[in-house]
Every structure is written in C-alpha cells, then in structure tokens.
C-alpha cells in the first residue's frame, strides 16, 4: 500500500504547493499528485499550470513519484503534446513520473471555445488519446485518423527508456473498461457506493484483454485543523466541486458552480464526502476504509485551508504511522 499526497492547484498558490510537496515527501508520502486545471471550482480560487509545477517538484524532491490527477485530452492538450510532456518528465526524473489520465470537465475545456461533448463522446475521446500516447511511448511514428484526434507522422524525438505508467480515471464501468484495455492502472474516488463496481469493471476488462490488473488508486480529500469547525471552514470552498453533474455536464463558470454546490451540498454531506476532523484517528480510520475497498495506492488531497502545513505534519507524525501499523 502506497500513500500519495494530492496538491490542490484550485486552492493554493503554486509556490505554497511546492512547499507542501517538499514537506509531504519528508512526512513519508510516496508520491505527489496534483490537479490539472485551467479554472478552479469556485470564484477566487487558484489554477497554476500543473506541468510546469511538476518540473519544479521533481527538482525540489528526491524520490517521490510525481504526476497529475488527472490530465485530460481535448482542446487544452492534444495527446501528442501530453506524450511529449511525460516523456520529458521521465527523461529528467527517471522512474518517478506517472500520468493520471481522464476525460476532463467542461470547467477546463469549454473556456477555450469548443463544444462540450456528451459523456459517451468524452470516454471515446479519452480512448483515442490513450491509443495515440501508447503508440508514441512505444517509439512509433503515428498516423492517426479518429473522430476526435488526428496525427501526421507524430513521433517522440526524446524517448526515455521507461514508459511512464498511465493511471486512467473512471467514475463508471465504461471508462473503467477503457482503463483495463489501455491503461496501467485505475484512478477513481474512494466512494464505497461507486468504487466496487468501477474496480470490478476494470478487473474484468483486464481479464478480457489477457492483462494483469495494474495499480488501483483511490482518491480522498482531507482537511485537518486544531478544531473541527476550523477544519470544516477550511474545506468549505470544495462544495463547488461536489455535485456529480459538474463532471459530465457543461458547467464552466466557477461562481455559478460554487453557488450551486452551496445550495445543494450540506455541511454534513461535505463531511461525509471528505475527511474533515481535528482528530488524527478519524483520518486514519477513514483512510483505512478507503484502502479496504481494494486500493493499492490511496491518494490523499490536502484541502486543509485553515492549516495545510500543519495537516502535513499531523499526517507525517500520526496518521501515516498508524496506517502502516499492522492491525491484529
């Protein structure tokens, strides 16, 4: 079991996140993942460029895995450019990069002027992009004619020895089956109502393709502070990310998204979706519950707006050691 630290570009400035990443490695996290956004989920948030930031993280840290959670193909990023980016990271920091890969959200693509596709088209676009990136990582010169992407003799001129693993984000069985056929692992939310079906679909697709299942990354968000009220207040902005329709439908105005989330998500619902507590034991218990869903890696995004560095310290001193203690 590995524990990754999630850096929230939506909530913190890039230089603050770099300080968090260094502290997270020192606290004992095995990986650093970060969101890859053009806009935050609420007005007044942040949105540093993930790829540039990852280069700084690779230089500032020594051993942790580094990657996104998650990068989408689409108007923002052509799959050839994604392949080039991760080949470069691998060439600079061998053995450390991973590519978290997903279908994206309107929030980050529609501002570029493209129409937002249906959920089925989103998954098909992701599939095409994975096919292109896989061929590029294999060293092939790629001529591709798809419904969503085209290439003309595309090739990676800087090709590292190792192919960075691709962990494919999925919230439903269709995307999970794409992950099983074309990815090196699955990335999904640690939702006990949703994760088992997604994991089963992923494993079934691996079996059908004659492949062993890869990494299963389950994601949680956590907010710690000296008292529960401060921990809740520090994470309140994330109501803007909670409605499920934000991940499939054409929502791309941060102010409207937060107002919608504030109206429809109660404090109790937010505390159920996120780990929000001043008690390290509560954090450890919730992470164990997530791990027991079938994770090989748990990605823990720090949304502790009240005290993010204090939260890392608490995880390093109390939560991670408790998680690594063998239970009777």
Protein backbone atom coordinates (compact mmCIF):
# COMPACT_ATOMS: atom_id res chain seq x y z
CA UNK A 1 0.00 0.00 0.00
CA UNK A 2 1.31 3.40 -1.01
CA UNK A 3 0.09 6.81 0.06
CA UNK A 4 0.27 9.72 -2.37
CA UNK A 5 -0.07 13.35 -1.43
CA UNK A 6 -2.52 15.38 -3.51
CA UNK A 7 -1.66 19.03 -4.18
CA UNK A 8 -4.75 21.18 -4.82
CA UNK A 9 -3.98 23.74 -7.51
CA UNK A 10 -7.54 25.01 -7.18
CA UNK A 11 -6.98 26.12 -3.57
CA UNK A 12 -3.33 27.12 -3.11
CA UNK A 13 -0.80 29.22 -4.99
CA UNK A 14 1.92 27.28 -6.84
CA UNK A 15 4.77 28.36 -4.55
CA UNK A 16 2.74 27.32 -1.48
CA UNK A 17 2.06 23.96 -3.13
CA UNK A 18 5.77 23.48 -3.82
CA UNK A 19 6.48 23.95 -0.12
CA UNK A 20 3.73 21.43 0.62
CA UNK A 21 5.23 18.89 -1.79
CA UNK A 22 8.66 19.06 -0.17
CA UNK A 23 7.10 18.71 3.29
CA UNK A 24 4.94 15.80 2.12
CA UNK A 25 7.98 13.84 0.95
CA UNK A 26 9.66 14.48 4.29
CA UNK A 27 6.47 13.35 6.06
CA UNK A 28 6.61 9.96 4.35
CA UNK A 29 4.26 10.16 1.39
CA UNK A 30 5.49 8.01 -1.52
CA UNK A 31 4.08 10.15 -4.31
CA UNK A 32 2.99 13.67 -5.17
CA UNK A 33 -0.04 14.10 -7.40
CA UNK A 34 -1.65 17.37 -8.41
CA UNK A 35 -4.85 18.53 -10.05
CA UNK A 36 -4.56 19.80 -13.63
CA UNK A 37 -6.97 22.71 -14.03
CA UNK A 38 -7.49 25.80 -16.15
CA UNK A 39 -10.04 27.13 -13.64
CA UNK A 40 -10.91 26.39 -10.00
CA UNK A 41 -14.28 25.09 -8.89
CA UNK A 42 -15.15 28.42 -7.27
CA UNK A 43 -14.52 32.10 -7.92
CA UNK A 44 -11.45 33.40 -6.11
CA UNK A 45 -9.55 30.12 -6.21
CA UNK A 46 -6.22 29.36 -7.89
CA UNK A 47 -5.20 27.48 -11.05
CA UNK A 48 -1.46 27.17 -11.52
CA UNK A 49 -0.22 25.18 -14.53
CA UNK A 50 0.30 21.61 -13.35
CA UNK A 51 3.00 20.55 -15.81
CA UNK A 52 5.30 23.49 -15.10
CA UNK A 53 4.79 22.93 -11.39
CA UNK A 54 5.66 19.22 -11.66
CA UNK A 55 9.04 20.09 -13.14
CA UNK A 56 9.77 22.22 -10.08
CA UNK A 57 8.57 19.43 -7.77
CA UNK A 58 10.82 16.90 -9.47
CA UNK A 59 13.81 19.16 -8.89
CA UNK A 60 12.88 20.05 -5.30
CA UNK A 61 12.27 16.46 -4.16
CA UNK A 62 14.39 13.33 -4.33
CA UNK A 63 12.44 10.10 -4.61
CA UNK A 64 8.65 10.51 -4.67
CA UNK A 65 6.57 9.58 -7.70
CA UNK A 66 5.21 12.69 -9.44
CA UNK A 67 2.22 13.14 -11.71
CA UNK A 68 -1.21 14.59 -12.33
CA UNK A 69 -4.65 13.69 -11.06
CA UNK A 70 -5.70 13.97 -13.76
CA UNK A 71 -4.74 15.29 -17.21
CA UNK A 72 -7.43 15.20 -19.94
CA UNK A 73 -7.12 15.15 -23.72
CA UNK A 74 -9.11 17.76 -25.55
CA UNK A 75 -8.86 21.33 -26.71
CA UNK A 76 -6.34 22.15 -23.98
CA UNK A 77 -3.97 19.25 -24.59
CA UNK A 78 -3.53 17.27 -27.78
CA UNK A 79 -2.43 13.71 -26.90
CA UNK A 80 0.85 14.17 -28.80
CA UNK A 81 1.69 17.12 -26.54
CA UNK A 82 0.77 15.06 -23.46
CA UNK A 83 3.09 12.29 -24.66
CA UNK A 84 5.89 14.79 -25.19
CA UNK A 85 5.36 16.29 -21.74
CA UNK A 86 5.57 12.98 -19.91
CA UNK A 87 8.47 11.72 -21.99
CA UNK A 88 10.31 14.89 -20.92
CA UNK A 89 9.46 14.39 -17.25
CA UNK A 90 10.65 10.79 -17.46
CA UNK A 91 13.90 11.83 -19.16
CA UNK A 92 14.57 14.36 -16.39
CA UNK A 93 13.37 12.32 -13.38
CA UNK A 94 13.73 8.64 -14.39
CA UNK A 95 11.41 6.17 -12.73
CA UNK A 96 9.33 8.79 -10.97
CA UNK A 97 6.63 10.24 -13.27
CA UNK A 98 3.14 8.81 -13.69
CA UNK A 99 0.35 10.16 -15.88
CA UNK A 100 -3.06 10.39 -14.29
CA UNK A 101 -5.40 10.49 -17.29
CA UNK A 102 -9.09 11.24 -17.57
CA UNK A 103 -11.88 12.55 -19.79
CA UNK A 104 -11.86 16.02 -18.25
CA UNK A 105 -14.51 18.55 -17.27
CA UNK A 106 -16.21 21.39 -19.10
CA UNK A 107 -14.78 23.71 -16.43
CA UNK A 108 -11.33 23.42 -18.00
CA UNK A 109 -12.13 22.89 -21.68
CA UNK A 110 -15.17 24.98 -22.62
CA UNK A 111 -13.41 28.33 -21.94
CA UNK A 112 -11.27 27.51 -25.00
CA UNK A 113 -14.33 27.79 -27.21
CA UNK A 114 -15.02 24.14 -28.02
CA UNK A 115 -18.40 22.49 -27.56
CA UNK A 116 -18.57 20.14 -24.58
CA UNK A 117 -19.31 16.58 -25.78
CA UNK A 118 -21.69 14.03 -24.30
CA UNK A 119 -20.36 11.62 -21.63
CA UNK A 120 -20.06 8.83 -24.20
CA UNK A 121 -18.05 11.05 -26.52
CA UNK A 122 -15.84 12.11 -23.61
CA UNK A 123 -14.87 8.49 -23.00
CA UNK A 124 -14.30 7.86 -26.71
CA UNK A 125 -12.07 10.92 -26.91
CA UNK A 126 -10.10 9.58 -23.97
CA UNK A 127 -9.78 6.18 -25.66
CA UNK A 128 -8.43 7.68 -28.87
CA UNK A 129 -5.91 9.75 -26.92
CA UNK A 130 -4.70 6.71 -24.99
CA UNK A 131 -4.16 4.81 -28.23
CA UNK A 132 -2.06 7.66 -29.62
CA UNK A 133 0.01 8.11 -26.46
CA UNK A 134 0.60 4.36 -26.18
CA UNK A 135 1.97 4.24 -29.72
CA UNK A 136 4.17 7.26 -29.08
CA UNK A 137 5.60 5.75 -25.88
CA UNK A 138 6.34 2.59 -27.89
CA UNK A 139 8.56 4.67 -30.15
CA UNK A 140 6.27 4.52 -33.17
CA UNK A 141 5.68 7.22 -35.77
CA UNK A 142 1.95 7.77 -35.56
CA UNK A 143 -0.52 8.49 -38.34
CA UNK A 144 -3.93 8.52 -36.69
CA UNK A 145 -7.38 9.30 -38.07
CA UNK A 146 -10.01 9.30 -35.37
CA UNK A 147 -13.26 11.08 -34.70
CA UNK A 148 -11.60 13.38 -32.18
CA UNK A 149 -7.87 13.48 -32.96
CA UNK A 150 -5.59 13.27 -35.97
CA UNK A 151 -1.84 12.98 -36.24
CA UNK A 152 0.53 13.11 -39.19
CA UNK A 153 3.82 11.29 -38.63
CA UNK A 154 3.94 12.23 -34.95
CA UNK A 155 6.91 10.84 -33.05
CA UNK A 156 8.68 11.46 -29.74
CA UNK A 157 12.22 12.52 -30.60
CA UNK A 158 13.15 12.47 -26.90
CA UNK A 159 12.09 8.95 -25.92
CA UNK A 160 13.02 7.74 -22.42
CA UNK A 161 13.87 4.13 -21.62
CA UNK A 162 10.86 3.69 -19.34
CA UNK A 163 7.26 4.30 -20.33
CA UNK A 164 5.60 6.38 -17.60
CA UNK A 165 2.63 4.42 -16.21
CA UNK A 166 -0.81 5.76 -17.10
CA UNK A 167 -3.49 5.56 -14.41
CA UNK A 168 -6.87 6.12 -16.05
CA UNK A 169 -9.60 7.97 -14.19
CA UNK A 170 -13.03 6.36 -14.24
CA UNK A 171 -16.30 7.13 -12.49
CA UNK A 172 -18.27 4.41 -14.28
CA UNK A 173 -17.88 0.99 -15.91
CA UNK A 174 -17.40 2.26 -19.49
CA UNK A 175 -14.34 4.35 -18.63
CA UNK A 176 -13.11 1.59 -16.31
CA UNK A 177 -13.14 -0.86 -19.22
CA UNK A 178 -11.02 1.56 -21.25
CA UNK A 179 -8.60 1.69 -18.31
CA UNK A 180 -8.43 -2.11 -18.30
CA UNK A 181 -7.62 -2.30 -22.01
CA UNK A 182 -5.29 0.65 -22.46
CA UNK A 183 -4.05 1.88 -19.09
CA UNK A 184 -1.57 0.72 -16.47
CA UNK A 185 -3.98 1.24 -13.63
CA UNK A 186 -7.26 2.73 -12.46
CA UNK A 187 -7.84 6.03 -10.66
CA UNK A 188 -11.22 6.61 -9.03
CA UNK A 189 -12.85 8.09 -5.97
CA UNK A 190 -12.86 6.19 -2.69
CA UNK A 191 -16.66 6.11 -2.70
CA UNK A 192 -17.97 2.88 -1.14
CA UNK A 193 -21.14 3.10 -3.26
CA UNK A 194 -19.29 3.60 -6.55
CA UNK A 195 -15.77 2.20 -6.29
CA UNK A 196 -16.57 -1.56 -6.13
CA UNK A 197 -18.48 -1.50 -9.44
CA UNK A 198 -15.75 0.55 -11.13
CA UNK A 199 -12.99 -1.72 -9.82
CA UNK A 200 -14.88 -4.85 -10.90
CA UNK A 201 -15.34 -3.43 -14.41
CA UNK A 202 -11.65 -2.57 -14.58
CA UNK A 203 -10.53 -6.02 -13.45
CA UNK A 204 -12.96 -7.70 -15.85
CA UNK A 205 -11.59 -5.69 -18.77
CA UNK A 206 -8.04 -6.64 -17.77
CA UNK A 207 -9.05 -10.31 -17.77
CA UNK A 208 -10.71 -9.97 -21.18
CA UNK A 209 -7.57 -8.36 -22.58
CA UNK A 210 -5.30 -11.01 -21.05
CA UNK A 211 -3.60 -8.45 -18.83
CA UNK A 212 -2.84 -8.41 -15.13
CA UNK A 213 -4.60 -5.61 -13.24
CA UNK A 214 -2.33 -2.68 -12.51
CA UNK A 215 -2.37 -0.01 -9.85
CA UNK A 216 -5.72 0.82 -8.25
CA UNK A 217 -5.59 4.38 -6.95
CA UNK A 218 -8.45 5.55 -4.75
CA UNK A 219 -8.66 9.26 -4.02
CA UNK A 220 -9.80 11.06 -0.88
CA UNK A 221 -9.65 14.67 0.24
CA UNK A 222 -8.82 15.65 3.79
CA UNK A 223 -8.99 18.76 5.92
CA UNK A 224 -7.32 18.94 9.33
CA UNK A 225 -7.20 21.84 11.77
CA UNK A 226 -6.88 22.34 15.53
CA UNK A 227 -10.66 22.05 15.90
CA UNK A 228 -13.42 20.54 13.81
CA UNK A 229 -15.10 23.86 13.00
CA UNK A 230 -11.89 25.28 11.52
CA UNK A 231 -11.31 22.08 9.55
CA UNK A 232 -14.80 22.38 8.05
CA UNK A 233 -14.47 26.07 7.27
CA UNK A 234 -11.10 25.49 5.63
CA UNK A 235 -12.64 22.99 3.22
CA UNK A 236 -15.96 24.74 2.61
CA UNK A 237 -14.95 26.03 -0.83
CA UNK A 238 -14.95 22.41 -2.07
CA UNK A 239 -18.73 22.40 -2.08
CA UNK A 240 -18.12 23.88 -5.52
CA UNK A 241 -16.71 20.54 -6.70
CA UNK A 242 -19.21 18.12 -5.20
CA UNK A 243 -22.27 17.97 -7.50
CA UNK A 244 -21.79 14.99 -9.82
CA UNK A 245 -23.16 16.88 -12.82
CA UNK A 246 -20.08 19.12 -12.80
CA UNK A 247 -18.02 16.15 -14.06
CA UNK A 248 -20.17 15.33 -17.08
CA UNK A 249 -22.36 18.30 -17.98
CA UNK A 250 -21.49 21.72 -19.40
CA UNK A 251 -20.73 23.62 -16.21
CA UNK A 252 -17.79 26.02 -16.58
CA UNK A 253 -18.47 29.20 -14.59
CA UNK A 254 -16.75 28.95 -11.17
CA UNK A 255 -19.04 31.41 -9.41
CA UNK A 256 -22.21 29.63 -10.56
CA UNK A 257 -20.71 26.25 -9.67
CA UNK A 258 -19.93 27.25 -6.11
CA UNK A 259 -23.35 28.82 -5.63
CA UNK A 260 -24.97 25.62 -6.95
CA UNK A 261 -22.84 23.48 -4.64
CA UNK A 262 -23.56 25.68 -1.64
CA UNK A 263 -27.30 25.35 -2.26
CA UNK A 264 -27.31 21.60 -2.77
CA UNK A 265 -24.50 20.25 -0.55
CA UNK A 266 -24.99 20.41 3.21
CA UNK A 267 -22.16 20.58 5.73
CA UNK A 268 -22.93 17.00 6.77
CA UNK A 269 -22.72 15.81 3.16
CA UNK A 270 -19.39 17.57 2.71
CA UNK A 271 -18.04 15.94 5.87
CA UNK A 272 -19.18 12.56 4.60
CA UNK A 273 -17.50 13.04 1.22
CA UNK A 274 -14.24 14.46 2.64
CA UNK A 275 -12.27 13.60 5.77
CA UNK A 276 -12.84 16.69 7.92
CA UNK A 277 -11.69 16.43 11.52
CA UNK A 278 -9.18 17.63 14.10
CA UNK A 279 -8.68 14.03 15.30
CA UNK A 280 -5.85 12.11 13.58
CA UNK A 281 -7.55 8.82 14.48
CA UNK A 282 -10.61 9.82 12.46
CA UNK A 283 -8.35 10.49 9.47
CA UNK A 284 -6.58 7.15 9.85
CA UNK A 285 -9.86 5.23 10.17
CA UNK A 286 -11.35 6.86 7.07
CA UNK A 287 -8.23 6.16 5.03
CA UNK A 288 -8.27 2.51 6.14
CA UNK A 289 -11.88 2.23 4.97
CA UNK A 290 -10.80 3.52 1.57
CA UNK A 291 -7.86 1.14 1.37
CA UNK A 292 -10.14 -1.77 2.19
CA UNK A 293 -12.17 -1.08 -0.96
CA UNK A 294 -9.33 -2.61 -2.96
CA UNK A 295 -6.73 0.14 -3.32
CA UNK A 296 -3.06 -0.45 -3.95
CA UNK A 297 -2.47 3.31 -3.59
CA UNK A 298 -4.52 5.87 -1.69
CA UNK A 299 -4.17 9.43 -2.99
CA UNK A 300 -4.89 11.96 -0.25
CA UNK A 301 -5.52 15.52 -1.42
CA UNK A 302 -4.84 18.14 1.23
CA UNK A 303 -7.66 20.70 1.24
CA UNK A 304 -6.86 21.99 4.74
CA UNK A 305 -7.42 25.66 4.03
CA UNK A 306 -7.03 26.53 7.72
CA UNK A 307 -3.56 24.99 8.13
CA UNK A 308 -2.19 22.96 5.21
CA UNK A 309 1.35 22.65 6.57
CA UNK A 310 0.04 21.66 10.00
CA UNK A 311 -2.05 18.97 8.31
CA UNK A 312 1.05 17.53 6.61
CA UNK A 313 2.85 17.46 9.96
CA UNK A 314 -0.05 15.62 11.61
CA UNK A 315 -0.15 13.08 8.79
CA UNK A 316 3.61 12.54 8.99
CA UNK A 317 3.70 12.16 12.76
CA UNK A 318 0.43 10.36 13.46
CA UNK A 319 -1.75 9.34 10.52
CA UNK A 320 0.74 7.63 8.18
CA UNK A 321 2.48 5.72 11.02
CA UNK A 322 -0.92 4.48 12.21
CA UNK A 323 -1.82 3.36 8.70
CA UNK A 324 1.42 1.43 8.36
CA UNK A 325 0.98 -0.36 11.66
CA UNK A 326 -0.08 -3.97 11.13
CA UNK A 327 -3.56 -4.46 12.52
CA UNK A 328 -4.29 -7.58 14.55
